[in-house]
Amino acid sequence: MIGTAFFAVGLAAIRYSTYLWLRTINTVVLFYLMFAILAVVQYPKRIRAFWLGFAVFGWGYYYAAFGPWEGWPDPDISNTPFQMVSPDLLSNDLVGLVVRLVSNIPPRQSQGFLIQQSPEYQEHYICAGWIGHLLFTLIFAGIGGIISKQLMIKAEATSSNEAVDKA
């Protein structure tokens, strides 16, 4: 149920993206990433493993996508959103595909480059791209949490088997 709601809100944020949607989604993502750090410290071991993976993968993707790159997107500039995130991420292609599929304003192509159609379109496109990367941050964080928890379960099983063998 939560996954469906996350998916629906994410697609709506991309489809109707504005600078307000972008700031809202960024705030939610940062809240979850900061909560994950607190959860690693405060929760019991089994739950802590999930939140550790969530924090490592989430902050890792957030930094890789947004970390060393210039500035927060300004709707008045004529750059594409993908010039402001790491160009080396494969997820750029996937985010671009999702933006093109979900967006309510179709892009115009000229010589393989996206052309600005209007200031509203430019703001929409920039914000939709950033929102897409923010949503990927949460997706990768969740995957990291699952991997971390499975590794912890496997390590516990291995150590309990070794204890039984010694006895």
N, C-alpha and C. Protein backbone atom coordinates (compact mmCIF):
# COMPACT_ATOMS: atom_id res chain seq x y z
N MET A 1 0.82 -1.18 0.00
CA MET A 1 0.00 0.00 0.00
C MET A 1 0.87 1.26 0.00
N ILE A 2 1.91 1.27 0.85
CA ILE A 2 2.79 2.43 0.91
C ILE A 2 3.55 2.58 -0.40
N GLY A 3 3.98 1.44 -0.98
CA GLY A 3 4.69 1.48 -2.26
C GLY A 3 3.83 2.04 -3.37
N THR A 4 2.56 1.68 -3.38
CA THR A 4 1.63 2.19 -4.40
C THR A 4 1.44 3.69 -4.23
N ALA A 5 1.27 4.13 -2.99
CA ALA A 5 1.10 5.57 -2.73
C ALA A 5 2.36 6.33 -3.13
N PHE A 6 3.53 5.78 -2.80
CA PHE A 6 4.80 6.41 -3.18
C PHE A 6 4.90 6.54 -4.70
N PHE A 7 4.57 5.46 -5.39
CA PHE A 7 4.62 5.45 -6.86
C PHE A 7 3.65 6.48 -7.44
N ALA A 8 2.43 6.55 -6.91
CA ALA A 8 1.42 7.48 -7.42
C ALA A 8 1.82 8.93 -7.19
N VAL A 9 2.28 9.24 -5.98
CA VAL A 9 2.69 10.62 -5.68
C VAL A 9 3.91 10.99 -6.52
N GLY A 10 4.84 10.06 -6.69
CA GLY A 10 6.02 10.33 -7.50
C GLY A 10 5.68 10.66 -8.95
N LEU A 11 4.80 9.86 -9.54
CA LEU A 11 4.40 10.14 -10.93
C LEU A 11 3.63 11.44 -11.04
N ALA A 12 2.77 11.73 -10.05
CA ALA A 12 2.04 13.00 -10.06
C ALA A 12 3.01 14.18 -9.93
N ALA A 13 4.02 14.03 -9.07
CA ALA A 13 5.01 15.10 -8.90
C ALA A 13 5.79 15.35 -10.19
N ILE A 14 6.09 14.28 -10.92
CA ILE A 14 6.79 14.46 -12.20
C ILE A 14 5.86 15.06 -13.24
N ARG A 15 4.64 14.55 -13.32
CA ARG A 15 3.70 15.03 -14.34
C ARG A 15 3.36 16.50 -14.16
N TYR A 16 3.13 16.92 -12.93
CA TYR A 16 2.72 18.30 -12.66
C TYR A 16 3.82 19.05 -11.93
N SER A 17 5.05 18.80 -12.29
CA SER A 17 6.19 19.32 -11.55
C SER A 17 6.26 20.84 -11.59
N THR A 18 6.53 21.38 -10.43
CA THR A 18 6.80 22.80 -10.25
C THR A 18 7.95 22.90 -9.25
N TYR A 19 8.41 24.10 -9.04
CA TYR A 19 9.48 24.30 -8.08
C TYR A 19 8.99 23.95 -6.67
N LEU A 20 7.72 24.18 -6.38
CA LEU A 20 7.15 23.81 -5.08
C LEU A 20 7.16 22.29 -4.89
N TRP A 21 6.76 21.54 -5.94
CA TRP A 21 6.82 20.07 -5.86
C TRP A 21 8.25 19.63 -5.61
N LEU A 22 9.19 20.23 -6.31
CA LEU A 22 10.60 19.87 -6.17
C LEU A 22 11.08 20.08 -4.74
N ARG A 23 10.78 21.24 -4.16
CA ARG A 23 11.20 21.51 -2.79
C ARG A 23 10.53 20.57 -1.81
N THR A 24 9.26 20.24 -2.05
CA THR A 24 8.53 19.33 -1.17
C THR A 24 9.14 17.94 -1.20
N ILE A 25 9.36 17.40 -2.40
CA ILE A 25 9.94 16.06 -2.53
C ILE A 25 11.35 16.04 -1.95
N ASN A 26 12.13 17.08 -2.19
CA ASN A 26 13.49 17.14 -1.63
C ASN A 26 13.44 17.13 -0.11
N THR A 27 12.52 17.86 0.48
CA THR A 27 12.38 17.88 1.94
C THR A 27 12.03 16.50 2.48
N VAL A 28 11.10 15.82 1.82
CA VAL A 28 10.71 14.46 2.25
C VAL A 28 11.89 13.50 2.16
N VAL A 29 12.61 13.56 1.04
CA VAL A 29 13.76 12.67 0.86
C VAL A 29 14.82 12.94 1.93
N LEU A 30 15.13 14.20 2.17
CA LEU A 30 16.13 14.52 3.19
C LEU A 30 15.65 14.10 4.58
N PHE A 31 14.36 14.24 4.87
CA PHE A 31 13.82 13.78 6.14
C PHE A 31 14.06 12.28 6.31
N TYR A 32 13.72 11.49 5.30
CA TYR A 32 13.92 10.04 5.40
C TYR A 32 15.39 9.68 5.56
N LEU A 33 16.27 10.36 4.83
CA LEU A 33 17.69 10.05 4.95
C LEU A 33 18.24 10.41 6.32
N MET A 34 17.79 11.53 6.89
CA MET A 34 18.23 11.90 8.23
C MET A 34 17.61 10.98 9.29
N PHE A 35 16.35 10.61 9.09
CA PHE A 35 15.71 9.66 10.00
C PHE A 35 16.46 8.34 10.01
N ALA A 36 16.94 7.91 8.85
CA ALA A 36 17.68 6.65 8.76
C ALA A 36 18.91 6.67 9.64
N ILE A 37 19.60 7.80 9.72
CA ILE A 37 20.78 7.90 10.57
C ILE A 37 20.39 7.74 12.04
N LEU A 38 19.32 8.40 12.44
CA LEU A 38 18.85 8.25 13.82
C LEU A 38 18.41 6.82 14.10
N ALA A 39 17.75 6.19 13.15
CA ALA A 39 17.27 4.82 13.33
C ALA A 39 18.43 3.84 13.49
N VAL A 40 19.53 4.09 12.81
CA VAL A 40 20.71 3.22 12.95
C VAL A 40 21.21 3.26 14.39
N VAL A 41 21.14 4.40 15.02
CA VAL A 41 21.63 4.55 16.38
C VAL A 41 20.63 4.03 17.41
N GLN A 42 19.33 4.26 17.17
CA GLN A 42 18.33 4.03 18.22
C GLN A 42 17.63 2.68 18.17
N TYR A 43 17.49 2.07 17.01
CA TYR A 43 16.66 0.87 16.90
C TYR A 43 17.42 -0.40 17.24
N PRO A 44 16.68 -1.50 17.52
CA PRO A 44 17.33 -2.79 17.78
C PRO A 44 18.05 -3.30 16.53
N LYS A 45 18.90 -4.30 16.73
CA LYS A 45 19.82 -4.77 15.69
C LYS A 45 19.13 -5.13 14.38
N ARG A 46 18.05 -5.90 14.41
CA ARG A 46 17.40 -6.34 13.16
C ARG A 46 16.86 -5.15 12.36
N ILE A 47 16.27 -4.21 13.05
CA ILE A 47 15.73 -3.04 12.35
C ILE A 47 16.87 -2.11 11.94
N ARG A 48 17.90 -2.03 12.78
CA ARG A 48 19.04 -1.19 12.50
C ARG A 48 19.72 -1.56 11.19
N ALA A 49 19.78 -2.84 10.89
CA ALA A 49 20.43 -3.29 9.65
C ALA A 49 19.75 -2.68 8.43
N PHE A 50 18.41 -2.69 8.41
CA PHE A 50 17.69 -2.10 7.28
C PHE A 50 18.04 -0.62 7.15
N TRP A 51 17.96 0.11 8.26
CA TRP A 51 18.18 1.55 8.19
C TRP A 51 19.62 1.91 7.87
N LEU A 52 20.56 1.06 8.24
CA LEU A 52 21.95 1.30 7.86
C LEU A 52 22.11 1.23 6.34
N GLY A 53 21.57 0.17 5.74
CA GLY A 53 21.62 0.06 4.29
C GLY A 53 20.87 1.18 3.61
N PHE A 54 19.73 1.55 4.16
CA PHE A 54 18.93 2.66 3.63
C PHE A 54 19.75 3.94 3.62
N ALA A 55 20.41 4.23 4.74
CA ALA A 55 21.20 5.46 4.85
C ALA A 55 22.39 5.45 3.90
N VAL A 56 23.12 4.33 3.86
CA VAL A 56 24.33 4.26 3.02
C VAL A 56 23.96 4.40 1.54
N PHE A 57 23.00 3.61 1.08
CA PHE A 57 22.62 3.67 -0.34
C PHE A 57 21.93 5.00 -0.67
N GLY A 58 21.07 5.47 0.23
CA GLY A 58 20.36 6.72 -0.02
C GLY A 58 21.27 7.92 -0.09
N TRP A 59 22.11 8.09 0.95
CA TRP A 59 23.04 9.21 0.94
C TRP A 59 24.07 9.05 -0.19
N GLY A 60 24.46 7.81 -0.49
CA GLY A 60 25.41 7.58 -1.59
C GLY A 60 24.85 8.04 -2.92
N TYR A 61 23.60 7.67 -3.21
CA TYR A 61 22.99 8.09 -4.48
C TYR A 61 22.75 9.60 -4.48
N TYR A 62 22.29 10.13 -3.36
CA TYR A 62 22.02 11.57 -3.28
C TYR A 62 23.30 12.35 -3.58
N TYR A 63 24.40 11.93 -2.97
CA TYR A 63 25.67 12.62 -3.21
C TYR A 63 26.14 12.41 -4.65
N ALA A 64 26.03 11.18 -5.15
CA ALA A 64 26.48 10.92 -6.52
C ALA A 64 25.68 11.72 -7.54
N ALA A 65 24.40 11.89 -7.29
CA ALA A 65 23.56 12.63 -8.24
C ALA A 65 23.71 14.13 -8.08
N PHE A 66 23.68 14.63 -6.85
CA PHE A 66 23.60 16.07 -6.62
C PHE A 66 24.83 16.68 -5.98
N GLY A 67 25.72 15.85 -5.43
CA GLY A 67 26.81 16.30 -4.59
C GLY A 67 27.73 17.37 -5.14
N PRO A 68 28.62 17.02 -6.03
CA PRO A 68 29.63 17.99 -6.43
C PRO A 68 29.20 18.91 -7.56
N TRP A 69 27.94 18.91 -7.90
CA TRP A 69 27.50 19.67 -9.07
C TRP A 69 26.98 21.04 -8.67
N GLU A 70 27.05 21.96 -9.57
CA GLU A 70 26.70 23.36 -9.32
C GLU A 70 25.22 23.55 -9.04
N GLY A 71 24.93 24.27 -7.98
CA GLY A 71 23.66 24.89 -7.70
C GLY A 71 22.37 24.10 -7.69
N TRP A 72 21.45 24.63 -7.02
CA TRP A 72 20.08 24.12 -7.01
C TRP A 72 19.40 24.66 -8.25
N PRO A 73 18.51 23.91 -8.88
CA PRO A 73 17.96 24.39 -10.15
C PRO A 73 17.16 25.68 -9.99
N ASP A 74 17.39 26.59 -10.89
CA ASP A 74 16.67 27.85 -10.94
C ASP A 74 15.78 27.80 -12.18
N PRO A 75 14.47 27.92 -12.03
CA PRO A 75 13.58 27.81 -13.19
C PRO A 75 13.85 28.83 -14.29
N ASP A 76 14.60 29.89 -13.98
CA ASP A 76 14.85 30.92 -14.99
C ASP A 76 16.05 30.61 -15.89
N ILE A 77 16.81 29.57 -15.60
CA ILE A 77 17.99 29.27 -16.42
C ILE A 77 17.59 28.38 -17.59
N SER A 78 18.42 28.34 -18.61
CA SER A 78 18.07 27.59 -19.81
C SER A 78 18.79 26.25 -19.90
N ASN A 79 19.34 25.75 -18.80
CA ASN A 79 20.00 24.44 -18.81
C ASN A 79 18.97 23.34 -18.68
N THR A 80 19.36 22.15 -19.05
CA THR A 80 18.50 21.00 -18.78
C THR A 80 18.83 20.50 -17.38
N PRO A 81 17.91 19.76 -16.75
CA PRO A 81 18.20 19.30 -15.39
C PRO A 81 19.36 18.34 -15.34
N PHE A 82 19.66 17.70 -16.45
CA PHE A 82 20.69 16.69 -16.46
C PHE A 82 22.08 17.30 -16.58
N GLN A 83 22.17 18.62 -16.80
CA GLN A 83 23.46 19.29 -16.74
C GLN A 83 23.81 19.66 -15.30
N MET A 84 22.84 19.50 -14.39
CA MET A 84 23.08 19.86 -12.99
C MET A 84 23.18 18.64 -12.10
N VAL A 85 23.10 17.45 -12.66
CA VAL A 85 23.34 16.22 -11.91
C VAL A 85 24.48 15.48 -12.59
N SER A 86 25.00 14.49 -11.91
CA SER A 86 26.15 13.76 -12.45
C SER A 86 25.82 13.17 -13.81
N PRO A 87 26.59 13.49 -14.83
CA PRO A 87 26.33 12.95 -16.16
C PRO A 87 26.70 11.48 -16.28
N ASP A 88 27.39 10.94 -15.29
CA ASP A 88 27.87 9.56 -15.36
C ASP A 88 26.87 8.54 -14.85
N LEU A 89 25.74 8.97 -14.34
CA LEU A 89 24.76 8.03 -13.80
C LEU A 89 23.91 7.43 -14.90
N LEU A 90 23.78 6.11 -14.90
CA LEU A 90 22.89 5.46 -15.86
C LEU A 90 21.44 5.83 -15.62
N SER A 91 21.14 6.19 -14.37
CA SER A 91 19.76 6.55 -14.06
C SER A 91 19.33 7.83 -14.77
N ASN A 92 20.27 8.64 -15.28
CA ASN A 92 19.88 9.81 -16.08
C ASN A 92 19.00 9.41 -17.25
N ASP A 93 19.38 8.33 -17.92
CA ASP A 93 18.60 7.87 -19.07
C ASP A 93 17.21 7.43 -18.64
N LEU A 94 17.14 6.72 -17.53
CA LEU A 94 15.86 6.25 -17.05
C LEU A 94 14.98 7.40 -16.56
N VAL A 95 15.58 8.35 -15.87
CA VAL A 95 14.82 9.53 -15.43
C VAL A 95 14.31 10.30 -16.65
N GLY A 96 15.16 10.47 -17.65
CA GLY A 96 14.73 11.16 -18.87
C GLY A 96 13.58 10.45 -19.55
N LEU A 97 13.64 9.12 -19.59
CA LEU A 97 12.55 8.34 -20.19
C LEU A 97 11.25 8.52 -19.41
N VAL A 98 11.34 8.44 -18.08
CA VAL A 98 10.14 8.60 -17.25
C VAL A 98 9.56 10.00 -17.43
N VAL A 99 10.41 11.02 -17.45
CA VAL A 99 9.94 12.39 -17.63
C VAL A 99 9.23 12.53 -18.98
N ARG A 100 9.80 11.96 -20.03
CA ARG A 100 9.17 12.06 -21.35
C ARG A 100 7.85 11.29 -21.40
N LEU A 101 7.77 10.15 -20.73
CA LEU A 101 6.55 9.34 -20.75
C LEU A 101 5.44 9.94 -19.90
N VAL A 102 5.81 10.50 -18.76
CA VAL A 102 4.81 10.97 -17.79
C VAL A 102 4.46 12.44 -17.98
N SER A 103 5.40 13.22 -18.48
CA SER A 103 5.22 14.65 -18.59
C SER A 103 4.02 15.01 -19.46
N ASN A 104 3.35 16.10 -19.10
CA ASN A 104 2.20 16.54 -19.89
C ASN A 104 2.57 17.56 -20.96
N ILE A 105 3.85 17.88 -21.10
CA ILE A 105 4.31 18.79 -22.15
C ILE A 105 5.35 18.05 -22.98
N PRO A 106 5.05 17.67 -24.21
CA PRO A 106 6.02 16.91 -25.01
C PRO A 106 7.20 17.79 -25.44
N PRO A 107 8.42 17.27 -25.33
CA PRO A 107 9.59 18.04 -25.75
C PRO A 107 9.69 18.12 -27.27
N ARG A 108 10.29 19.20 -27.75
CA ARG A 108 10.54 19.38 -29.17
C ARG A 108 12.01 19.08 -29.41
N GLN A 109 12.33 18.29 -30.42
CA GLN A 109 13.71 17.91 -30.70
C GLN A 109 14.26 18.74 -31.87
N SER A 110 15.53 19.08 -31.76
CA SER A 110 16.23 19.75 -32.84
C SER A 110 17.69 19.37 -32.75
N GLN A 111 18.21 18.70 -33.74
CA GLN A 111 19.60 18.26 -33.79
C GLN A 111 19.97 17.45 -32.54
N GLY A 112 19.03 16.68 -32.02
CA GLY A 112 19.31 15.82 -30.88
C GLY A 112 19.32 16.51 -29.53
N PHE A 113 19.10 17.82 -29.50
CA PHE A 113 19.11 18.54 -28.23
C PHE A 113 17.70 19.05 -27.93
N LEU A 114 17.40 19.14 -26.65
CA LEU A 114 16.10 19.64 -26.22
C LEU A 114 16.10 21.16 -26.35
N ILE A 115 15.06 21.70 -26.95
CA ILE A 115 14.93 23.14 -27.14
C ILE A 115 13.91 23.67 -26.14
N GLN A 116 14.18 24.83 -25.58
CA GLN A 116 13.24 25.45 -24.65
C GLN A 116 11.99 25.89 -25.41
N GLN A 117 10.82 25.47 -24.93
CA GLN A 117 9.58 25.86 -25.59
C GLN A 117 8.96 27.09 -24.92
N SER A 118 9.05 27.18 -23.62
CA SER A 118 8.52 28.32 -22.89
C SER A 118 9.12 28.30 -21.50
N PRO A 119 9.02 29.42 -20.77
CA PRO A 119 9.53 29.41 -19.39
C PRO A 119 8.82 28.37 -18.52
N GLU A 120 7.52 28.16 -18.74
CA GLU A 120 6.78 27.17 -17.96
C GLU A 120 7.29 25.77 -18.27
N TYR A 121 7.54 25.51 -19.55
CA TYR A 121 8.06 24.20 -19.94
C TYR A 121 9.44 23.98 -19.33
N GLN A 122 10.28 25.00 -19.36
CA GLN A 122 11.63 24.88 -18.84
C GLN A 122 11.60 24.57 -17.35
N GLU A 123 10.76 25.28 -16.59
CA GLU A 123 10.64 25.00 -15.15
C GLU A 123 10.13 23.58 -14.94
N HIS A 124 9.13 23.20 -15.72
CA HIS A 124 8.56 21.86 -15.59
C HIS A 124 9.62 20.80 -15.86
N TYR A 125 10.38 20.96 -16.91
CA TYR A 125 11.37 19.96 -17.30
C TYR A 125 12.49 19.85 -16.28
N ILE A 126 13.00 20.99 -15.82
CA ILE A 126 14.06 20.98 -14.82
C ILE A 126 13.58 20.32 -13.54
N CYS A 127 12.42 20.74 -13.07
CA CYS A 127 11.90 20.20 -11.81
C CYS A 127 11.56 18.72 -11.94
N ALA A 128 11.01 18.31 -13.06
CA ALA A 128 10.66 16.89 -13.26
C ALA A 128 11.92 16.02 -13.23
N GLY A 129 12.98 16.47 -13.84
CA GLY A 129 14.23 15.70 -13.82
C GLY A 129 14.79 15.56 -12.42
N TRP A 130 14.80 16.65 -11.67
CA TRP A 130 15.31 16.59 -10.30
C TRP A 130 14.40 15.73 -9.43
N ILE A 131 13.10 15.85 -9.59
CA ILE A 131 12.17 15.02 -8.81
C ILE A 131 12.42 13.55 -9.12
N GLY A 132 12.64 13.24 -10.39
CA GLY A 132 12.94 11.86 -10.77
C GLY A 132 14.17 11.33 -10.05
N HIS A 133 15.22 12.12 -9.97
CA HIS A 133 16.43 11.69 -9.26
C HIS A 133 16.20 11.58 -7.76
N LEU A 134 15.39 12.46 -7.21
CA LEU A 134 15.07 12.36 -5.78
C LEU A 134 14.29 11.08 -5.49
N LEU A 135 13.38 10.71 -6.37
CA LEU A 135 12.64 9.47 -6.18
C LEU A 135 13.55 8.26 -6.33
N PHE A 136 14.49 8.33 -7.25
CA PHE A 136 15.48 7.25 -7.38
C PHE A 136 16.33 7.14 -6.11
N THR A 137 16.58 8.26 -5.45
CA THR A 137 17.30 8.22 -4.18
C THR A 137 16.58 7.32 -3.19
N LEU A 138 15.25 7.49 -3.07
CA LEU A 138 14.49 6.66 -2.14
C LEU A 138 14.42 5.21 -2.61
N ILE A 139 14.33 5.00 -3.90
CA ILE A 139 14.28 3.62 -4.42
C ILE A 139 15.60 2.90 -4.11
N PHE A 140 16.72 3.55 -4.41
CA PHE A 140 18.02 2.94 -4.12
C PHE A 140 18.22 2.76 -2.62
N ALA A 141 17.75 3.70 -1.82
CA ALA A 141 17.86 3.57 -0.37
C ALA A 141 17.08 2.35 0.11
N GLY A 142 15.88 2.16 -0.40
CA GLY A 142 15.10 0.98 -0.02
C GLY A 142 15.77 -0.32 -0.43
N ILE A 143 16.35 -0.34 -1.62
CA ILE A 143 17.09 -1.53 -2.08
C ILE A 143 18.29 -1.78 -1.16
N GLY A 144 18.98 -0.71 -0.79
CA GLY A 144 20.11 -0.85 0.12
C GLY A 144 19.69 -1.39 1.48
N GLY A 145 18.54 -0.93 1.96
CA GLY A 145 18.02 -1.43 3.23
C GLY A 145 17.71 -2.92 3.18
N ILE A 146 17.10 -3.34 2.10
CA ILE A 146 16.76 -4.77 1.94
C ILE A 146 18.04 -5.61 1.85
N ILE A 147 19.01 -5.16 1.07
CA ILE A 147 20.27 -5.89 0.95
C ILE A 147 20.97 -5.99 2.30
N SER A 148 21.01 -4.88 3.02
CA SER A 148 21.68 -4.87 4.32
C SER A 148 21.00 -5.81 5.31
N LYS A 149 19.69 -5.80 5.33
CA LYS A 149 18.97 -6.70 6.25
C LYS A 149 19.21 -8.16 5.88
N GLN A 150 19.21 -8.48 4.59
CA GLN A 150 19.46 -9.86 4.17
C GLN A 150 20.88 -10.30 4.52
N LEU A 151 21.84 -9.41 4.38
CA LEU A 151 23.21 -9.74 4.76
C LEU A 151 23.32 -10.00 6.26
N MET A 152 22.59 -9.21 7.06
CA MET A 152 22.60 -9.41 8.50
C MET A 152 21.96 -10.74 8.87
N ILE A 153 20.85 -11.09 8.23
CA ILE A 153 20.19 -12.37 8.50
C ILE A 153 21.11 -13.53 8.13
N LYS A 154 21.79 -13.41 6.99
CA LYS A 154 22.73 -14.46 6.57
C LYS A 154 23.89 -14.58 7.56
N ALA A 155 24.40 -13.45 8.02
CA ALA A 155 25.50 -13.48 8.99
C ALA A 155 25.05 -14.10 10.30
N GLU A 156 23.85 -13.80 10.74
CA GLU A 156 23.33 -14.40 11.98
C GLU A 156 23.17 -15.91 11.82
N ALA A 157 22.66 -16.34 10.67
CA ALA A 157 22.48 -17.78 10.42
C ALA A 157 23.82 -18.49 10.40
N THR A 158 24.81 -17.87 9.78
CA THR A 158 26.14 -18.47 9.71
C THR A 158 26.76 -18.58 11.09
N SER A 159 26.63 -17.51 11.88
CA SER A 159 27.23 -17.54 13.22
C SER A 159 26.50 -18.53 14.14
N SER A 160 25.18 -18.67 13.99
CA SER A 160 24.46 -19.65 14.82
C SER A 160 24.80 -21.08 14.40
N ASN A 161 25.01 -21.31 13.10
CA ASN A 161 25.44 -22.63 12.63
C ASN A 161 26.83 -22.98 13.15
N GLU A 162 27.73 -22.00 13.19
CA GLU A 162 29.07 -22.23 13.70
C GLU A 162 29.02 -22.54 15.19
N ALA A 163 28.13 -21.88 15.92
CA ALA A 163 28.00 -22.13 17.36
C ALA A 163 27.47 -23.55 17.61
N VAL A 164 26.53 -24.00 16.78
CA VAL A 164 25.99 -25.36 16.91
C VAL A 164 27.07 -26.38 16.59
N ASP A 165 27.87 -26.11 15.54
CA ASP A 165 28.94 -27.04 15.15
C ASP A 165 30.01 -27.17 16.25
N LYS A 166 30.30 -26.09 16.96
CA LYS A 166 31.30 -26.13 18.02
C LYS A 166 30.79 -26.90 19.24
N ALA A 167 29.48 -26.87 19.43
CA ALA A 167 28.92 -27.54 20.60
C ALA A 167 28.81 -29.01 20.37
